[in-house]
């Protein structure tokens, strides 16, 4: 990889760019000075190139207006390379423009304009922000830009990505727990438990017992056999399967399945384990932005709010 960070690349890029622009200009000049021999007979002069039997290439010059358009692009390229960086890192352009500099300037302008508004919401209790329509709308926009890729634009998630509108929380659903999830991220790791429950058909038996905990369709005989083997899972999920938010162990009694609620899906989870990672956003979003989006997510999960969630996300 050191070859790609060599200072020689700067000179290579600069030389290639300059030669390309100058070469285009010289070529245009040479072609504009060249006189084309006009045929003297009844048929127009051609280059001699023929395709498909009778498709001929006429020996006509480019229209002058078209030629001048090419000249304009060459002049534009030269002006651009003088003003902006385009010749490697050795020459930044007389304007000293950088994409990061423009981004920081835009952020500064936005902070000056919207900073007081964000600060006012940061001073409010998170539940109060969730009850404020304008605060929710601001949180919804932040959610769409940063969270919807995984949780969906309506917050309902998908396989492997939690639904944020059902009121069930793997790590706790109180306002501060939600905010902590956003700030620090979460790492859920269920180890493979196939060997721990005895492997083979024992895995399927435990899967049926897990389904029985939520009243889902199951084989009662298999579930009875799997109950004893479930003891290996109780350390995290509890003896009754109600989970443990402190460990991120989900409640198995509520028919909410992150990776699917079929016998096959649950058996796969037991045999192979699961691993889920939500990144922390403290280095991406400001404290006020996190406060707003946490309030919005808190609002999404409140009973009776699910139907209004899509409209609030617009």
Protein backbone atom coordinates (compact mmCIF):
# COMPACT_ATOMS: atom_id res chain seq x y z
CA UNK A 1 0.00 0.00 0.00
CA UNK A 2 2.98 2.33 0.42
CA UNK A 3 3.18 2.56 -3.38
CA UNK A 4 -0.17 4.33 -3.40
CA UNK A 5 0.95 6.99 -0.94
CA UNK A 6 4.20 7.84 -2.69
CA UNK A 7 4.68 11.56 -3.51
CA UNK A 8 5.48 10.46 -7.07
CA UNK A 9 1.75 9.95 -7.60
CA UNK A 10 1.21 13.71 -7.20
CA UNK A 11 3.61 14.40 -10.05
CA UNK A 12 2.15 11.60 -12.14
CA UNK A 13 -1.39 12.98 -11.74
CA UNK A 14 -0.30 16.55 -12.41
CA UNK A 15 1.72 15.63 -15.51
CA UNK A 16 -1.00 13.38 -16.92
CA UNK A 17 -3.65 16.06 -16.41
CA UNK A 18 -1.58 18.86 -17.96
CA UNK A 19 -0.50 16.75 -20.94
CA UNK A 20 -4.12 15.67 -21.53
CA UNK A 21 -5.49 19.23 -21.50
CA UNK A 22 -2.68 20.67 -23.62
CA UNK A 23 -2.85 17.69 -25.97
CA UNK A 24 -6.57 18.27 -26.54
CA UNK A 25 -5.91 21.93 -27.29
CA UNK A 26 -3.10 21.18 -29.75
CA UNK A 27 -5.15 18.50 -31.48
CA UNK A 28 -8.11 20.87 -31.89
CA UNK A 29 -5.82 23.57 -33.27
CA UNK A 30 -4.26 21.17 -35.77
CA UNK A 31 -7.65 19.98 -36.95
CA UNK A 32 -9.05 23.48 -37.25
CA UNK A 33 -6.09 24.51 -39.46
CA UNK A 34 -6.32 21.50 -41.72
CA UNK A 35 -8.06 22.09 -45.01
CA UNK A 36 -10.29 19.37 -46.28
CA UNK A 37 -10.13 18.46 -49.95
CA UNK A 38 -13.57 18.88 -51.43
CA UNK A 39 -14.63 16.39 -54.04
CA UNK A 40 -14.95 17.79 -57.58
CA UNK A 41 -17.29 15.17 -58.96
CA UNK A 42 -21.03 14.76 -58.48
CA UNK A 43 -20.42 12.51 -55.47
CA UNK A 44 -19.12 14.01 -52.16
CA UNK A 45 -15.56 13.22 -51.10
CA UNK A 46 -15.30 10.32 -48.58
CA UNK A 47 -12.59 8.93 -46.32
CA UNK A 48 -12.89 5.56 -48.01
CA UNK A 49 -14.40 3.91 -44.92
CA UNK A 50 -17.45 1.82 -45.77
CA UNK A 51 -19.67 -0.25 -43.45
CA UNK A 52 -22.52 -2.63 -44.21
CA UNK A 53 -21.86 -2.41 -47.91
CA UNK A 54 -23.06 1.16 -48.57
CA UNK A 55 -22.64 3.18 -45.35
CA UNK A 56 -19.88 5.72 -46.15
CA UNK A 57 -17.98 8.18 -43.99
CA UNK A 58 -17.89 11.62 -45.63
CA UNK A 59 -14.71 13.65 -45.47
CA UNK A 60 -16.33 16.77 -43.97
CA UNK A 61 -14.88 19.03 -41.26
CA UNK A 62 -16.55 19.53 -37.89
CA UNK A 63 -19.02 22.43 -37.77
CA UNK A 64 -17.23 25.54 -36.50
CA UNK A 65 -19.64 25.99 -33.59
CA UNK A 66 -18.90 22.44 -32.48
CA UNK A 67 -15.15 23.05 -32.73
CA UNK A 68 -15.47 26.18 -30.57
CA UNK A 69 -17.36 24.22 -27.93
CA UNK A 70 -14.33 21.96 -27.62
CA UNK A 71 -12.07 25.01 -27.31
CA UNK A 72 -14.32 26.32 -24.51
CA UNK A 73 -14.01 23.04 -22.59
CA UNK A 74 -10.19 23.25 -22.82
CA UNK A 75 -10.19 26.85 -21.55
CA UNK A 76 -12.63 25.90 -18.79
CA UNK A 77 -10.34 23.03 -17.74
CA UNK A 78 -7.35 25.35 -17.48
CA UNK A 79 -9.27 27.90 -15.40
CA UNK A 80 -10.64 25.16 -13.16
CA UNK A 81 -7.20 23.68 -12.53
CA UNK A 82 -5.88 27.12 -11.60
CA UNK A 83 -8.70 27.84 -9.15
CA UNK A 84 -9.34 24.38 -7.67
CA UNK A 85 -7.26 21.32 -6.69
CA UNK A 86 -6.87 18.98 -9.63
CA UNK A 87 -3.12 18.49 -9.93
CA UNK A 88 -2.48 16.28 -6.93
CA UNK A 89 -1.82 17.49 -3.40
CA UNK A 90 1.11 19.73 -4.31
CA UNK A 91 -1.10 22.46 -5.71
CA UNK A 92 -4.37 23.25 -3.91
CA UNK A 93 -5.56 25.94 -6.33
CA UNK A 94 -5.50 29.68 -5.78
CA UNK A 95 -8.85 29.52 -3.95
CA UNK A 96 -7.51 26.89 -1.49
CA UNK A 97 -10.83 25.07 -1.72
CA UNK A 98 -11.30 21.68 -0.07
CA UNK A 99 -14.39 19.54 0.31
CA UNK A 100 -13.75 19.21 4.05
CA UNK A 101 -13.37 22.97 4.36
CA UNK A 102 -16.66 23.55 2.58
CA UNK A 103 -18.35 20.97 4.80
CA UNK A 104 -17.03 22.64 7.96
CA UNK A 105 -18.15 26.04 6.70
CA UNK A 106 -21.64 24.71 6.01
CA UNK A 107 -21.73 23.08 9.44
CA UNK A 108 -20.68 26.33 11.07
CA UNK A 109 -23.36 28.28 9.20
CA UNK A 110 -25.97 25.69 10.15
CA UNK A 111 -24.88 25.75 13.80
CA UNK A 112 -25.15 29.52 13.90
CA UNK A 113 -28.63 29.41 12.42
CA UNK A 114 -30.09 26.36 14.15
CA UNK A 115 -27.85 26.02 17.20
CA UNK A 116 -30.14 27.99 19.55
CA UNK A 117 -33.13 25.86 18.52
CA UNK A 118 -31.25 22.60 19.12
CA UNK A 119 -29.98 23.92 22.43
CA UNK A 120 -33.51 24.74 23.57
CA UNK A 121 -34.60 21.13 23.00
CA UNK A 122 -31.48 19.78 24.67
CA UNK A 123 -32.54 21.57 27.87
CA UNK A 124 -35.94 19.84 27.80
CA UNK A 125 -36.70 16.47 29.33
CA UNK A 126 -36.64 13.76 26.66
CA UNK A 127 -40.27 12.82 27.26
CA UNK A 128 -41.24 16.48 26.88
CA UNK A 129 -39.43 16.64 23.54
CA UNK A 130 -41.30 13.51 22.44
CA UNK A 131 -44.57 15.30 23.24
CA UNK A 132 -43.56 18.36 21.19
CA UNK A 133 -44.66 18.10 17.54
CA UNK A 134 -41.85 20.24 16.15
CA UNK A 135 -39.27 18.35 18.21
CA UNK A 136 -40.59 15.05 16.87
CA UNK A 137 -40.42 16.30 13.30
CA UNK A 138 -36.80 17.32 13.79
CA UNK A 139 -36.03 13.95 15.36
CA UNK A 140 -37.82 12.17 12.50
CA UNK A 141 -35.62 13.88 9.90
CA UNK A 142 -32.47 12.92 11.80
CA UNK A 143 -33.81 9.37 12.05
CA UNK A 144 -34.46 9.18 8.30
CA UNK A 145 -30.98 10.40 7.47
CA UNK A 146 -29.11 8.12 9.86
CA UNK A 147 -31.23 5.26 11.21
CA UNK A 148 -33.69 4.32 8.48
CA UNK A 149 -31.10 2.31 6.54
CA UNK A 150 -31.37 -0.44 9.16
CA UNK A 151 -34.63 0.18 11.02
CA UNK A 152 -36.68 1.31 8.01
CA UNK A 153 -38.23 4.70 7.33
CA UNK A 154 -41.15 3.83 9.61
CA UNK A 155 -38.95 2.33 12.34
CA UNK A 156 -40.45 -1.13 11.94
CA UNK A 157 -37.13 -2.82 11.19
CA UNK A 158 -36.61 -6.08 9.33
CA UNK A 159 -34.97 -9.45 9.89
CA UNK A 160 -32.01 -8.85 12.19
CA UNK A 161 -32.93 -5.19 12.78
CA UNK A 162 -35.28 -4.47 15.70
CA UNK A 163 -38.74 -3.01 15.30
CA UNK A 164 -38.78 0.26 17.25
CA UNK A 165 -42.57 0.64 17.27
CA UNK A 166 -43.70 -2.42 19.24
CA UNK A 167 -42.85 -1.34 22.77
CA UNK A 168 -40.54 -4.32 23.32
CA UNK A 169 -36.88 -3.53 23.99
CA UNK A 170 -33.89 -5.83 24.11
CA UNK A 171 -31.86 -3.31 26.16
CA UNK A 172 -34.69 -1.45 27.88
CA UNK A 173 -37.15 1.08 26.50
CA UNK A 174 -37.07 3.92 29.01
CA UNK A 175 -35.87 7.27 27.56
CA UNK A 176 -32.37 7.06 29.05
CA UNK A 177 -31.86 3.48 27.89
CA UNK A 178 -32.84 4.48 24.35
CA UNK A 179 -30.46 7.41 24.47
CA UNK A 180 -27.64 5.19 25.75
CA UNK A 181 -28.25 2.76 22.87
CA UNK A 182 -27.87 5.59 20.37
CA UNK A 183 -24.84 7.16 22.03
CA UNK A 184 -22.79 4.04 22.79
CA UNK A 185 -24.29 1.51 20.40
CA UNK A 186 -25.07 -2.07 21.35
CA UNK A 187 -23.37 -5.41 20.77
CA UNK A 188 -25.60 -8.46 21.14
CA UNK A 189 -23.90 -11.83 21.12
CA UNK A 190 -25.66 -15.12 21.68
CA UNK A 191 -23.11 -17.95 21.62
CA UNK A 192 -23.83 -21.22 19.83
CA UNK A 193 -25.77 -23.37 22.28
CA UNK A 194 -26.17 -26.53 20.21
CA UNK A 195 -23.66 -28.57 22.20
CA UNK A 196 -24.86 -27.13 25.51
CA UNK A 197 -28.39 -28.46 24.97
CA UNK A 198 -27.16 -31.83 23.72
CA UNK A 199 -27.10 -31.29 19.97
CA UNK A 200 -29.10 -33.19 17.36
CA UNK A 201 -32.80 -33.55 18.06
CA UNK A 202 -32.36 -31.84 21.42
CA UNK A 203 -31.96 -28.55 19.56
CA UNK A 204 -35.34 -29.02 17.88
CA UNK A 205 -36.89 -29.99 21.23
CA UNK A 206 -35.62 -26.77 22.81
CA UNK A 207 -36.93 -24.79 19.83
CA UNK A 208 -40.41 -26.22 20.41
CA UNK A 209 -40.16 -25.36 24.12
CA UNK A 210 -39.16 -21.81 23.25
CA UNK A 211 -42.22 -21.55 20.98
CA UNK A 212 -44.41 -22.84 23.79
CA UNK A 213 -43.27 -19.96 26.02
CA UNK A 214 -45.09 -17.48 23.79
CA UNK A 215 -48.10 -19.70 23.11
CA UNK A 216 -47.01 -20.23 19.50
CA UNK A 217 -47.79 -23.40 17.58
CA UNK A 218 -45.52 -26.21 18.78
CA UNK A 219 -45.20 -29.93 19.40
CA UNK A 220 -46.11 -30.41 23.07
CA UNK A 221 -44.19 -33.69 23.36
CA UNK A 222 -41.02 -32.13 22.01
CA UNK A 223 -41.56 -29.04 24.15
CA UNK A 224 -41.80 -31.18 27.28
CA UNK A 225 -38.48 -32.81 26.40
CA UNK A 226 -36.90 -29.46 25.59
CA UNK A 227 -37.89 -27.81 28.87
CA UNK A 228 -35.14 -29.57 30.80
CA UNK A 229 -32.53 -28.72 28.16
CA UNK A 230 -33.60 -25.06 28.24
CA UNK A 231 -31.85 -24.79 31.62
CA UNK A 232 -28.64 -24.10 29.66
CA UNK A 233 -30.32 -20.97 28.24
CA UNK A 234 -31.85 -19.76 31.50
CA UNK A 235 -28.69 -18.02 32.63
CA UNK A 236 -29.39 -15.25 30.13
CA UNK A 237 -33.07 -15.58 29.25
CA UNK A 238 -34.26 -16.46 32.74
CA UNK A 239 -36.02 -19.58 33.92
CA UNK A 240 -39.31 -18.30 32.51
CA UNK A 241 -37.73 -17.01 29.29
CA UNK A 242 -38.57 -13.37 29.98
CA UNK A 243 -35.07 -12.17 29.09
CA UNK A 244 -32.70 -9.74 30.75
CA UNK A 245 -32.31 -6.17 29.39
CA UNK A 246 -29.06 -5.74 31.30
CA UNK A 247 -27.53 -8.49 29.14
CA UNK A 248 -29.48 -7.74 25.97
CA UNK A 249 -31.16 -11.17 26.27
CA UNK A 250 -34.58 -10.90 24.56
CA UNK A 251 -37.90 -11.89 26.07
CA UNK A 252 -38.97 -15.21 24.52
CA UNK A 253 -42.59 -15.00 25.69
CA UNK A 254 -43.91 -12.19 23.49
CA UNK A 255 -43.94 -13.66 19.94
CA UNK A 256 -41.49 -11.00 18.76
CA UNK A 257 -38.64 -12.62 16.84
CA UNK A 258 -35.64 -10.75 15.53
CA UNK A 259 -34.44 -13.60 13.30
CA UNK A 260 -37.69 -15.43 12.69
CA UNK A 261 -40.11 -17.43 14.84
CA UNK A 262 -40.25 -20.75 12.99
CA UNK A 263 -38.86 -24.01 14.33
CA UNK A 264 -36.12 -23.88 11.68
CA UNK A 265 -35.13 -20.29 12.49
CA UNK A 266 -35.08 -20.84 16.25
CA UNK A 267 -33.16 -24.11 15.85
CA UNK A 268 -30.58 -22.26 13.75
CA UNK A 269 -30.30 -19.58 16.42
CA UNK A 270 -29.72 -22.18 19.12
CA UNK A 271 -27.24 -24.19 17.06
CA UNK A 272 -25.18 -21.34 15.57
CA UNK A 273 -25.83 -18.39 17.85
CA UNK A 274 -26.49 -14.83 16.74
CA UNK A 275 -24.46 -11.66 16.69
CA UNK A 276 -25.85 -8.17 16.22
CA UNK A 277 -24.05 -4.84 16.32
CA UNK A 278 -25.52 -1.37 16.43
CA UNK A 279 -22.80 1.28 16.05
CA UNK A 280 -22.57 4.17 18.48
CA UNK A 281 -23.51 7.57 17.08
CA UNK A 282 -21.74 9.85 19.53
CA UNK A 283 -19.03 10.62 16.98
CA UNK A 284 -21.51 11.27 14.18
CA UNK A 285 -24.42 13.15 15.75
CA UNK A 286 -24.25 16.04 18.18
CA UNK A 287 -25.62 15.70 21.69
CA UNK A 288 -28.68 17.73 20.73
CA UNK A 289 -29.31 15.61 17.60
CA UNK A 290 -29.09 12.43 19.66
CA UNK A 291 -31.52 13.91 22.17
CA UNK A 292 -34.02 14.69 19.42
CA UNK A 293 -33.79 11.32 17.68
CA UNK A 294 -34.03 9.51 21.03
CA UNK A 295 -37.21 11.43 21.76
CA UNK A 296 -38.62 10.48 18.36
CA UNK A 297 -37.82 6.79 18.86
CA UNK A 298 -39.34 6.96 22.35
CA UNK A 299 -42.50 8.42 20.81
CA UNK A 300 -42.61 5.73 18.12
CA UNK A 301 -42.79 3.00 20.74
CA UNK A 302 -45.65 4.50 22.73
CA UNK A 303 -49.01 2.69 22.47
CA UNK A 304 -51.25 4.19 19.82
CA UNK A 305 -48.43 6.07 18.05
CA UNK A 306 -47.53 3.38 15.51
CA UNK A 307 -50.26 4.37 13.05
CA UNK A 308 -49.04 7.97 13.04
CA UNK A 309 -45.37 7.06 12.60
CA UNK A 310 -45.22 7.18 8.76
CA UNK A 311 -46.85 10.62 8.66
CA UNK A 312 -44.49 11.96 11.30
CA UNK A 313 -41.53 10.71 9.24
CA UNK A 314 -42.34 12.84 6.21
